[in-house]
C-alpha atoms as a PDB file:
ATOM      1  CA  UNK A   1       0.000   0.000   0.000  1.00  0.00           C
ATOM      2  CA  UNK A   2       3.074   2.235  -0.001  1.00  0.00           C
ATOM      3  CA  UNK A   3       2.425   3.349  -3.590  1.00  0.00           C
ATOM      4  CA  UNK A   4      -1.292   3.982  -3.104  1.00  0.00           C
ATOM      5  CA  UNK A   5      -2.300   7.472  -4.384  1.00  0.00           C
ATOM      6  CA  UNK A   6      -3.924   8.583  -1.144  1.00  0.00           C
ATOM      7  CA  UNK A   7      -4.483  12.158  -2.331  1.00  0.00           C
ATOM      8  CA  UNK A   8      -6.546  10.881  -5.260  1.00  0.00           C
ATOM      9  CA  UNK A   9      -8.442   8.501  -2.989  1.00  0.00           C
ATOM     10  CA  UNK A  10      -9.260  11.464  -0.742  1.00  0.00           C
ATOM     11  CA  UNK A  11     -10.631  13.335  -3.761  1.00  0.00           C
ATOM     12  CA  UNK A  12     -12.736  10.326  -4.777  1.00  0.00           C
ATOM     13  CA  UNK A  13     -13.987  10.069  -1.170  1.00  0.00           C
ATOM     14  CA  UNK A  14     -15.114  13.694  -1.199  1.00  0.00           C
ATOM     15  CA  UNK A  15     -16.786  13.137  -4.568  1.00  0.00           C
ATOM     16  CA  UNK A  16     -18.589   9.994  -3.326  1.00  0.00           C
ATOM     17  CA  UNK A  17     -19.568  11.747  -0.106  1.00  0.00           C
ATOM     18  CA  UNK A  18     -20.930  14.691  -2.091  1.00  0.00           C
ATOM     19  CA  UNK A  19     -23.260  12.444  -4.088  1.00  0.00           C
ATOM     20  CA  UNK A  20     -24.362  10.710  -0.883  1.00  0.00           C
ATOM     21  CA  UNK A  21     -24.872  14.120   0.732  1.00  0.00           C
ATOM     22  CA  UNK A  22     -27.282  15.266  -1.970  1.00  0.00           C
ATOM     23  CA  UNK A  23     -29.282  12.028  -1.954  1.00  0.00           C
ATOM     24  CA  UNK A  24     -29.214  11.391   1.822  1.00  0.00           C
ATOM     25  CA  UNK A  25     -30.167  14.952   2.767  1.00  0.00           C
ATOM     26  CA  UNK A  26     -33.029  14.647   0.294  1.00  0.00           C
ATOM     27  CA  UNK A  27     -34.186  11.373   1.878  1.00  0.00           C
ATOM     28  CA  UNK A  28     -33.814  12.862   5.368  1.00  0.00           C
ATOM     29  CA  UNK A  29     -36.031  15.824   4.486  1.00  0.00           C
ATOM     30  CA  UNK A  30     -38.991  13.672   3.478  1.00  0.00           C
ATOM     31  CA  UNK A  31     -38.512  11.216   6.332  1.00  0.00           C
ATOM     32  CA  UNK A  32     -38.405  14.069   8.834  1.00  0.00           C
ATOM     33  CA  UNK A  33     -41.900  15.161   7.808  1.00  0.00           C
ATOM     34  CA  UNK A  34     -43.591  12.050   6.415  1.00  0.00           C
ATOM     35  CA  UNK A  35     -42.022   9.478   8.792  1.00  0.00           C
ATOM     36  CA  UNK A  36     -41.465   6.647   6.329  1.00  0.00           C
ATOM     37  CA  UNK A  37     -38.541   5.571   4.117  1.00  0.00           C
ATOM     38  CA  UNK A  38     -39.352   6.380   0.507  1.00  0.00           C
ATOM     39  CA  UNK A  39     -37.981   3.603  -1.726  1.00  0.00           C
ATOM     40  CA  UNK A  40     -39.058   5.513  -4.848  1.00  0.00           C
ATOM     41  CA  UNK A  41     -36.210   7.865  -3.954  1.00  0.00           C
ATOM     42  CA  UNK A  42     -33.977   5.568  -6.038  1.00  0.00           C
ATOM     43  CA  UNK A  43     -36.021   6.219  -9.160  1.00  0.00           C
ATOM     44  CA  UNK A  44     -36.036   9.970  -8.532  1.00  0.00           C
ATOM     45  CA  UNK A  45     -32.236   9.724  -8.816  1.00  0.00           C
ATOM     46  CA  UNK A  46     -32.452   7.617 -11.962  1.00  0.00           C
ATOM     47  CA  UNK A  47     -34.935  10.013 -13.539  1.00  0.00           C
ATOM     48  CA  UNK A  48     -32.516  12.875 -12.929  1.00  0.00           C
ATOM     49  CA  UNK A  49     -29.797  11.068 -14.867  1.00  0.00           C
ATOM     50  CA  UNK A  50     -32.079  10.285 -17.811  1.00  0.00           C
ATOM     51  CA  UNK A  51     -33.501  13.807 -17.857  1.00  0.00           C
ATOM     52  CA  UNK A  52     -30.000  15.250 -18.073  1.00  0.00           C
ATOM     53  CA  UNK A  53     -29.104  12.704 -20.744  1.00  0.00           C
ATOM     54  CA  UNK A  54     -32.114  13.728 -22.831  1.00  0.00           C
ATOM     55  CA  UNK A  55     -31.389  17.451 -22.462  1.00  0.00           C
ATOM     56  CA  UNK A  56     -27.691  17.019 -23.242  1.00  0.00           C
ATOM     57  CA  UNK A  57     -28.543  15.218 -26.503  1.00  0.00           C
ATOM     58  CA  UNK A  58     -31.212  17.773 -27.367  1.00  0.00           C
ATOM     59  CA  UNK A  59     -29.179  20.947 -26.876  1.00  0.00           C
ATOM     60  CA  UNK A  60     -26.190  22.135 -28.852  1.00  0.00           C
ATOM     61  CA  UNK A  61     -24.936  24.810 -26.475  1.00  0.00           C
ATOM     62  CA  UNK A  62     -21.506  25.515 -24.990  1.00  0.00           C
ATOM     63  CA  UNK A  63     -20.527  22.892 -22.401  1.00  0.00           C
ATOM     64  CA  UNK A  64     -20.947  25.073 -19.256  1.00  0.00           C
ATOM     65  CA  UNK A  65     -24.422  26.186 -20.327  1.00  0.00           C
ATOM     66  CA  UNK A  66     -25.425  22.634 -21.260  1.00  0.00           C
ATOM     67  CA  UNK A  67     -24.351  21.365 -17.829  1.00  0.00           C
ATOM     68  CA  UNK A  68     -26.273  24.121 -16.033  1.00  0.00           C
ATOM     69  CA  UNK A  69     -29.435  23.443 -18.053  1.00  0.00           C
ATOM     70  CA  UNK A  70     -29.096  19.690 -17.390  1.00  0.00           C
ATOM     71  CA  UNK A  71     -28.793  20.301 -13.643  1.00  0.00           C
ATOM     72  CA  UNK A  72     -31.791  22.643 -13.615  1.00  0.00           C
ATOM     73  CA  UNK A  73     -33.958  20.267 -15.671  1.00  0.00           C
ATOM     74  CA  UNK A  74     -32.967  17.223 -13.582  1.00  0.00           C
ATOM     75  CA  UNK A  75     -33.924  19.125 -10.433  1.00  0.00           C
ATOM     76  CA  UNK A  76     -37.225  20.392 -11.819  1.00  0.00           C
ATOM     77  CA  UNK A  77     -38.375  17.130 -13.446  1.00  0.00           C
ATOM     78  CA  UNK A  78     -37.498  14.901 -10.488  1.00  0.00           C
ATOM     79  CA  UNK A  79     -38.801  17.515  -8.059  1.00  0.00           C
ATOM     80  CA  UNK A  80     -42.104  17.794  -9.920  1.00  0.00           C
ATOM     81  CA  UNK A  81     -42.503  14.018  -9.880  1.00  0.00           C
ATOM     82  CA  UNK A  82     -41.804  13.974  -6.150  1.00  0.00           C
ATOM     83  CA  UNK A  83     -44.396  16.681  -5.559  1.00  0.00           C
ATOM     84  CA  UNK A  84     -47.006  14.831  -7.633  1.00  0.00           C
ATOM     85  CA  UNK A  85     -46.243  11.512  -5.935  1.00  0.00           C
ATOM     86  CA  UNK A  86     -46.952  13.072  -2.542  1.00  0.00           C
ATOM     87  CA  UNK A  87     -50.057  14.910  -3.709  1.00  0.00           C
ATOM     88  CA  UNK A  88     -51.578  11.926  -5.524  1.00  0.00           C
ATOM     89  CA  UNK A  89     -50.291   8.909  -3.563  1.00  0.00           C
ATOM     90  CA  UNK A  90     -48.546   9.485  -0.246  1.00  0.00           C
ATOM     91  CA  UNK A  91     -50.551  12.465   0.991  1.00  0.00           C
ATOM     92  CA  UNK A  92     -53.881  10.602   0.744  1.00  0.00           C
ATOM     93  CA  UNK A  93     -52.323   7.488   2.289  1.00  0.00           C
ATOM     94  CA  UNK A  94     -50.960   9.474   5.235  1.00  0.00           C
ATOM     95  CA  UNK A  95     -54.271  11.251   5.783  1.00  0.00           C
ATOM     96  CA  UNK A  96     -56.021   7.866   5.912  1.00  0.00           C
ATOM     97  CA  UNK A  97     -53.623   6.735   8.620  1.00  0.00           C
ATOM     98  CA  UNK A  98     -51.908   4.067   6.501  1.00  0.00           C
ATOM     99  CA  UNK A  99     -49.309   1.999   8.321  1.00  0.00           C
ATOM    100  CA  UNK A 100     -45.579   2.214   7.770  1.00  0.00           C
ATOM    101  CA  UNK A 101     -45.664  -1.070   5.821  1.00  0.00           C
ATOM    102  CA  UNK A 102     -48.372   0.229   3.484  1.00  0.00           C
ATOM    103  CA  UNK A 103     -46.398   3.408   2.803  1.00  0.00           C
ATOM    104  CA  UNK A 104     -43.179   1.477   2.165  1.00  0.00           C
ATOM    105  CA  UNK A 105     -44.907  -0.933  -0.215  1.00  0.00           C
ATOM    106  CA  UNK A 106     -46.568   2.005  -1.955  1.00  0.00           C
ATOM    107  CA  UNK A 107     -43.169   3.671  -2.466  1.00  0.00           C
ATOM    108  CA  UNK A 108     -41.716   0.417  -3.836  1.00  0.00           C
ATOM    109  CA  UNK A 109     -44.630   0.088  -6.240  1.00  0.00           C
ATOM    110  CA  UNK A 110     -44.187   3.679  -7.408  1.00  0.00           C
ATOM    111  CA  UNK A 111     -40.483   3.046  -7.874  1.00  0.00           C
ATOM    112  CA  UNK A 112     -41.102   0.032 -10.105  1.00  0.00           C
ATOM    113  CA  UNK A 113     -43.638   1.983 -12.161  1.00  0.00           C
ATOM    114  CA  UNK A 114     -41.163   4.826 -12.709  1.00  0.00           C
ATOM    115  CA  UNK A 115     -38.386   2.386 -13.575  1.00  0.00           C
ATOM    116  CA  UNK A 116     -40.401   0.563 -16.211  1.00  0.00           C
ATOM    117  CA  UNK A 117     -41.645   3.829 -17.708  1.00  0.00           C
ATOM    118  CA  UNK A 118     -37.998   4.921 -18.002  1.00  0.00           C
ATOM    119  CA  UNK A 119     -37.170   1.605 -19.666  1.00  0.00           C
ATOM    120  CA  UNK A 120     -39.960   2.152 -22.195  1.00  0.00           C
ATOM    121  CA  UNK A 121     -38.858   5.707 -23.000  1.00  0.00           C
ATOM    122  CA  UNK A 122     -35.137   4.871 -23.144  1.00  0.00           C
ATOM    123  CA  UNK A 123     -34.809   1.228 -24.235  1.00  0.00           C
ATOM    124  CA  UNK A 124     -31.456  -0.369 -24.785  1.00  0.00           C
ATOM    125  CA  UNK A 125     -30.141  -0.690 -21.238  1.00  0.00           C
ATOM    126  CA  UNK A 126     -26.979   1.226 -20.426  1.00  0.00           C
ATOM    127  CA  UNK A 127     -26.581   4.848 -21.514  1.00  0.00           C
ATOM    128  CA  UNK A 128     -23.737   7.334 -21.197  1.00  0.00           C
ATOM    129  CA  UNK A 129     -23.220  11.054 -21.676  1.00  0.00           C
ATOM    130  CA  UNK A 130     -21.214  12.146 -24.730  1.00  0.00           C
ATOM    131  CA  UNK A 131     -20.418  15.670 -23.583  1.00  0.00           C
ATOM    132  CA  UNK A 132     -17.073  17.110 -24.752  1.00  0.00           C
ATOM    133  CA  UNK A 133     -15.414  17.148 -21.332  1.00  0.00           C
ATOM    134  CA  UNK A 134     -11.887  18.615 -21.170  1.00  0.00           C
ATOM    135  CA  UNK A 135      -9.125  16.063 -20.683  1.00  0.00           C
ATOM    136  CA  UNK A 136      -8.233  15.183 -17.099  1.00  0.00           C
ATOM    137  CA  UNK A 137      -5.316  17.221 -15.794  1.00  0.00           C
ATOM    138  CA  UNK A 138      -2.923  17.026 -12.860  1.00  0.00           C
ATOM    139  CA  UNK A 139      -2.972  19.698 -10.161  1.00  0.00           C
ATOM    140  CA  UNK A 140      -0.400  18.879  -7.526  1.00  0.00           C
ATOM    141  CA  UNK A 141      -1.080  15.352  -6.234  1.00  0.00           C
ATOM    142  CA  UNK A 142      -4.615  15.350  -7.656  1.00  0.00           C
ATOM    143  CA  UNK A 143      -5.875  14.270 -11.046  1.00  0.00           C
ATOM    144  CA  UNK A 144      -8.816  16.530 -11.876  1.00  0.00           C
ATOM    145  CA  UNK A 145     -11.684  15.637 -14.192  1.00  0.00           C
ATOM    146  CA  UNK A 146     -14.753  17.883 -14.451  1.00  0.00           C
ATOM    147  CA  UNK A 147     -17.401  15.149 -13.836  1.00  0.00           C
ATOM    148  CA  UNK A 148     -15.564  14.310 -10.588  1.00  0.00           C
ATOM    149  CA  UNK A 149     -15.620  17.931  -9.420  1.00  0.00           C
ATOM    150  CA  UNK A 150     -19.208  18.833 -10.328  1.00  0.00           C
ATOM    151  CA  UNK A 151     -20.890  16.919  -7.453  1.00  0.00           C
ATOM    152  CA  UNK A 152     -18.460  18.451  -4.943  1.00  0.00           C
ATOM    153  CA  UNK A 153     -19.350  21.967  -6.064  1.00  0.00           C
ATOM    154  CA  UNK A 154     -23.062  21.109  -6.214  1.00  0.00           C
ATOM    155  CA  UNK A 155     -23.010  19.541  -2.736  1.00  0.00           C
ATOM    156  CA  UNK A 156     -21.292  22.631  -1.323  1.00  0.00           C
ATOM    157  CA  UNK A 157     -23.829  24.953  -2.939  1.00  0.00           C
ATOM    158  CA  UNK A 158     -26.769  22.739  -1.946  1.00  0.00           C
ATOM    159  CA  UNK A 159     -25.514  22.342   1.637  1.00  0.00           C
ATOM    160  CA  UNK A 160     -25.096  26.086   2.139  1.00  0.00           C
ATOM    161  CA  UNK A 161     -28.413  26.783   0.416  1.00  0.00           C
ATOM    162  CA  UNK A 162     -30.280  24.267   2.580  1.00  0.00           C
ATOM    163  CA  UNK A 163     -28.652  25.672   5.715  1.00  0.00           C
ATOM    164  CA  UNK A 164     -29.797  29.175   4.790  1.00  0.00           C
ATOM    165  CA  UNK A 165     -33.235  27.912   3.752  1.00  0.00           C
ATOM    166  CA  UNK A 166     -33.829  26.037   7.017  1.00  0.00           C
ATOM    167  CA  UNK A 167     -32.528  28.768   9.332  1.00  0.00           C
ATOM    168  CA  UNK A 168     -33.124  32.100   7.584  1.00  0.00           C
ATOM    169  CA  UNK A 169     -36.428  31.771   5.720  1.00  0.00           C
ATOM    170  CA  UNK A 170     -40.047  31.425   6.753  1.00  0.00           C
ATOM    171  CA  UNK A 171     -40.539  28.220   4.753  1.00  0.00           C
ATOM    172  CA  UNK A 172     -37.419  26.746   6.358  1.00  0.00           C
ATOM    173  CA  UNK A 173     -38.665  27.532   9.848  1.00  0.00           C
ATOM    174  CA  UNK A 174     -42.031  26.072   8.859  1.00  0.00           C
ATOM    175  CA  UNK A 175     -40.319  22.868   7.689  1.00  0.00           C
ATOM    176  CA  UNK A 176     -38.473  22.527  10.983  1.00  0.00           C
ATOM    177  CA  UNK A 177     -41.602  23.256  12.993  1.00  0.00           C
ATOM    178  CA  UNK A 178     -43.664  20.734  11.029  1.00  0.00           C
ATOM    179  CA  UNK A 179     -40.968  18.069  11.398  1.00  0.00           C
ATOM    180  CA  UNK A 180     -40.779  18.696  15.148  1.00  0.00           C
ATOM    181  CA  UNK A 181     -44.501  18.829  15.931  1.00  0.00           C
ATOM    182  CA  UNK A 182     -46.981  18.899  13.019  1.00  0.00           C
ATOM    183  CA  UNK A 183     -50.047  19.388  15.247  1.00  0.00           C
ATOM    184  CA  UNK A 184     -48.511  22.392  17.013  1.00  0.00           C
ATOM    185  CA  UNK A 185     -47.294  23.795  13.686  1.00  0.00           C
ATOM    186  CA  UNK A 186     -50.806  23.545  12.267  1.00  0.00           C
ATOM    187  CA  UNK A 187     -52.278  25.151  15.374  1.00  0.00           C
ATOM    188  CA  UNK A 188     -49.762  27.989  14.965  1.00  0.00           C
ATOM    189  CA  UNK A 189     -51.173  28.780  11.541  1.00  0.00           C
ATOM    190  CA  UNK A 190     -48.545  27.022   9.434  1.00  0.00           C
ATOM    191  CA  UNK A 191     -49.896  25.544   6.210  1.00  0.00           C
ATOM    192  CA  UNK A 192     -48.442  22.077   6.757  1.00  0.00           C
ATOM    193  CA  UNK A 193     -49.833  20.820   3.451  1.00  0.00           C
ATOM    194  CA  UNK A 194     -47.846  23.419   1.533  1.00  0.00           C
ATOM    195  CA  UNK A 195     -44.775  22.663   3.664  1.00  0.00           C
ATOM    196  CA  UNK A 196     -44.992  18.960   2.817  1.00  0.00           C
ATOM    197  CA  UNK A 197     -45.392  19.626  -0.900  1.00  0.00           C
ATOM    198  CA  UNK A 198     -42.410  21.994  -0.861  1.00  0.00           C
ATOM    199  CA  UNK A 199     -40.299  19.472   1.031  1.00  0.00           C
ATOM    200  CA  UNK A 200     -41.126  16.624  -1.350  1.00  0.00           C
ATOM    201  CA  UNK A 201     -40.305  18.860  -4.311  1.00  0.00           C
ATOM    202  CA  UNK A 202     -36.922  19.853  -2.829  1.00  0.00           C
ATOM    203  CA  UNK A 203     -36.134  16.289  -1.781  1.00  0.00           C
ATOM    204  CA  UNK A 204     -36.876  14.706  -5.154  1.00  0.00           C
ATOM    205  CA  UNK A 205     -35.092  17.558  -6.926  1.00  0.00           C
ATOM    206  CA  UNK A 206     -31.908  17.003  -4.919  1.00  0.00           C
ATOM    207  CA  UNK A 207     -32.173  13.265  -5.606  1.00  0.00           C
ATOM    208  CA  UNK A 208     -32.439  14.016  -9.330  1.00  0.00           C
ATOM    209  CA  UNK A 209     -29.294  16.139  -9.145  1.00  0.00           C
ATOM    210  CA  UNK A 210     -27.422  13.341  -7.375  1.00  0.00           C
ATOM    211  CA  UNK A 211     -28.495  10.874 -10.064  1.00  0.00           C
ATOM    212  CA  UNK A 212     -27.391  13.260 -12.802  1.00  0.00           C
ATOM    213  CA  UNK A 213     -23.883  13.518 -11.355  1.00  0.00           C
ATOM    214  CA  UNK A 214     -23.628   9.741 -11.046  1.00  0.00           C
ATOM    215  CA  UNK A 215     -24.686   9.407 -14.679  1.00  0.00           C
ATOM    216  CA  UNK A 216     -22.199  12.036 -15.865  1.00  0.00           C
ATOM    217  CA  UNK A 217     -19.329  10.240 -14.156  1.00  0.00           C
ATOM    218  CA  UNK A 218     -19.957   6.841 -15.758  1.00  0.00           C
ATOM    219  CA  UNK A 219     -22.507   4.882 -17.742  1.00  0.00           C
ATOM    220  CA  UNK A 220     -25.902   4.345 -16.136  1.00  0.00           C
ATOM    221  CA  UNK A 221     -28.982   2.166 -16.446  1.00  0.00           C
ATOM    222  CA  UNK A 222     -32.598   2.122 -15.145  1.00  0.00           C
ATOM    223  CA  UNK A 223     -31.409   0.351 -11.970  1.00  0.00           C
ATOM    224  CA  UNK A 224     -28.768   2.982 -11.185  1.00  0.00           C
ATOM    225  CA  UNK A 225     -30.652   4.592  -8.301  1.00  0.00           C
ATOM    226  CA  UNK A 226     -31.513   1.265  -6.725  1.00  0.00           C
ATOM    227  CA  UNK A 227     -27.856   0.207  -6.831  1.00  0.00           C
ATOM    228  CA  UNK A 228     -26.826   3.020  -4.483  1.00  0.00           C
ATOM    229  CA  UNK A 229     -30.016   3.279  -2.430  1.00  0.00           C
ATOM    230  CA  UNK A 230     -28.692   0.935   0.282  1.00  0.00           C
ATOM    231  CA  UNK A 231     -25.649   3.151   0.795  1.00  0.00           C
ATOM    232  CA  UNK A 232     -27.914   6.206   0.935  1.00  0.00           C
ATOM    233  CA  UNK A 233     -30.051   4.515   3.604  1.00  0.00           C
ATOM    234  CA  UNK A 234     -26.860   3.664   5.517  1.00  0.00           C
ATOM    235  CA  UNK A 235     -25.842   7.332   5.427  1.00  0.00           C
ATOM    236  CA  UNK A 236     -29.310   8.442   6.544  1.00  0.00           C
ATOM    237  CA  UNK A 237     -29.437   6.025   9.490  1.00  0.00           C
ATOM    238  CA  UNK A 238     -25.832   6.693  10.507  1.00  0.00           C
ATOM    239  CA  UNK A 239     -26.460  10.427  10.504  1.00  0.00           C
ATOM    240  CA  UNK A 240     -29.570   9.964  12.612  1.00  0.00           C
ATOM    241  CA  UNK A 241     -33.026   9.568  11.116  1.00  0.00           C
ATOM    242  CA  UNK A 242     -34.330  13.015  10.226  1.00  0.00           C
ATOM    243  CA  UNK A 243     -31.068  14.820  11.128  1.00  0.00           C
ATOM    244  CA  UNK A 244     -29.991  17.201   8.341  1.00  0.00           C
ATOM    245  CA  UNK A 245     -26.557  17.919   9.798  1.00  0.00           C
ATOM    246  CA  UNK A 246     -25.986  14.315  10.802  1.00  0.00           C
ATOM    247  CA  UNK A 247     -26.636  13.240   7.201  1.00  0.00           C
ATOM    248  CA  UNK A 248     -23.964  15.657   5.969  1.00  0.00           C
ATOM    249  CA  UNK A 249     -21.354  14.250   8.361  1.00  0.00           C
ATOM    250  CA  UNK A 250     -22.346  10.637   7.673  1.00  0.00           C
ATOM    251  CA  UNK A 251     -22.144  11.142   3.889  1.00  0.00           C
ATOM    252  CA  UNK A 252     -18.455  11.980   4.013  1.00  0.00           C
ATOM    253  CA  UNK A 253     -17.692   9.314   6.629  1.00  0.00           C
ATOM    254  CA  UNK A 254     -19.240   6.638   4.406  1.00  0.00           C
ATOM    255  CA  UNK A 255     -17.634   8.098   1.276  1.00  0.00           C
ATOM    256  CA  UNK A 256     -14.178   7.941   2.848  1.00  0.00           C
ATOM    257  CA  UNK A 257     -14.736   4.484   4.318  1.00  0.00           C
ATOM    258  CA  UNK A 258     -15.904   3.025   0.999  1.00  0.00           C
ATOM    259  CA  UNK A 259     -12.979   4.379  -1.027  1.00  0.00           C
ATOM    260  CA  UNK A 260     -10.344   3.403   1.532  1.00  0.00           C
ATOM    261  CA  UNK A 261     -12.111   0.057   1.904  1.00  0.00           C
ATOM    262  CA  UNK A 262     -11.827  -0.605  -1.844  1.00  0.00           C
ATOM    263  CA  UNK A 263      -8.047  -0.208  -1.571  1.00  0.00           C
ATOM    264  CA  UNK A 264      -7.930  -2.641   1.338  1.00  0.00           C
ATOM    265  CA  UNK A 265     -10.190  -5.113  -0.477  1.00  0.00           C
ATOM    266  CA  UNK A 266      -7.878  -4.985  -3.502  1.00  0.00           C
ATOM    267  CA  UNK A 267      -4.926  -5.916  -1.281  1.00  0.00           C
ATOM    268  CA  UNK A 268      -6.761  -9.120  -0.387  1.00  0.00           C
ATOM    269  CA  UNK A 269      -7.792  -9.816  -3.980  1.00  0.00           C
ATOM    270  CA  UNK A 270     -11.469  -9.051  -3.316  1.00  0.00           C
ATOM    271  CA  UNK A 271     -13.773  -7.292  -5.765  1.00  0.00           C
ATOM    272  CA  UNK A 272     -14.782  -3.676  -5.246  1.00  0.00           C
ATOM    273  CA  UNK A 273     -18.428  -4.829  -5.359  1.00  0.00           C
ATOM    274  CA  UNK A 274     -18.112  -5.426  -1.622  1.00  0.00           C
ATOM    275  CA  UNK A 275     -17.849  -1.682  -0.996  1.00  0.00           C
ATOM    276  CA  UNK A 276     -21.557  -1.428  -0.108  1.00  0.00           C
ATOM    277  CA  UNK A 277     -20.983  -3.915   2.716  1.00  0.00           C
ATOM    278  CA  UNK A 278     -18.417  -1.509   4.173  1.00  0.00           C
ATOM    279  CA  UNK A 279     -21.164   1.082   4.698  1.00  0.00           C
ATOM    280  CA  UNK A 280     -23.246  -1.366   6.695  1.00  0.00           C
ATOM    281  CA  UNK A 281     -20.335  -2.659   8.771  1.00  0.00           C
ATOM    282  CA  UNK A 282     -19.673   0.915   9.882  1.00  0.00           C
ATOM    283  CA  UNK A 283     -23.389   1.494  10.402  1.00  0.00           C
ATOM    284  CA  UNK A 284     -23.783  -1.582  12.613  1.00  0.00           C
ATOM    285  CA  UNK A 285     -20.708  -0.766  14.710  1.00  0.00           C
ATOM    286  CA  UNK A 286     -21.802   2.838  15.266  1.00  0.00           C
ATOM    287  CA  UNK A 287     -25.383   1.872  16.105  1.00  0.00           C
ATOM    288  CA  UNK A 288     -24.155  -0.702  18.639  1.00  0.00           C
ATOM    289  CA  UNK A 289     -22.190   2.058  20.355  1.00  0.00           C
ATOM    290  CA  UNK A 290     -24.534   5.005  19.650  1.00  0.00           C
ATOM    291  CA  UNK A 291     -28.016   3.761  18.664  1.00  0.00           C
ATOM    292  CA  UNK A 292     -29.134   7.299  17.803  1.00  0.00           C
ATOM    293  CA  UNK A 293     -26.358   7.618  15.208  1.00  0.00           C
ATOM    294  CA  UNK A 294     -24.698  11.024  14.970  1.00  0.00           C
ATOM    295  CA  UNK A 295     -27.847  12.923  15.980  1.00  0.00           C
ATOM    296  CA  UNK A 296     -26.634  14.028  19.403  1.00  0.00           C
ATOM    297  CA  UNK A 297     -23.555  15.656  17.916  1.00  0.00           C
ATOM    298  CA  UNK A 298     -25.886  18.102  16.192  1.00  0.00           C
ATOM    299  CA  UNK A 299     -28.619  18.284  18.815  1.00  0.00           C
ATOM    300  CA  UNK A 300     -28.374  22.040  19.058  1.00  0.00           C
ATOM    301  CA  UNK A 301     -29.149  22.326  15.338  1.00  0.00           C
END
């Protein structure tokens, strides 16, 4: 391991953590208000990748503008689907007092429907972006490639934006109040229905962005979102269910652990496919020691 490029592994860890941050924060937002794990979250990510793929093939603009339009469209399309899924499916189920199992099965069913619709619209299995990315270049000990850097920048912007949204705006304070005590929030005059719709839109939009960045980095398929959903759940649980700041910390912990773990696995001749297991080993160990995850570290927030 003496010749291992640790600086590059650190960069890959930050990149992986950034993707997990976008998707796990998104999942945490909806869980904090709706109180069930949304398995259709995987397909919101996949839809973001395919939306960006469609837009990139449709437009003939300069690369920076194409990327910005792809990000915006992935956010809006996935976010709109998330909003509609709550309004049409999950909102009515929650108002009827459906059990956790019913909600989980409903989200799985929605996920399969979205996946097969995607497969009908984009047949042929694996797809890949053909954008004219600049060649990778060396900066100090790092090898820099634009698709590796984009999720880091996006995660930084999204993290700061969400922090400002949740702490400095009326809708952010309404989201926190509704997550803490929906009955009291409603009694205080907060339109909890509008808060839930806004949260589902933001959550699905962030998931779509995460999926887009995964698709830009490598080839992708209709099962792309499902393939990383387990790691996203591991991040969410490790950070503390419903904890925004815990999810941020957990995303980078898991990202670092997975990338360092791949190096260790390679030393023993094991495939990198085991990297997902690394997330759950860490999760189990932490939960045995601290069952609440990282929540208490951010209790003041």
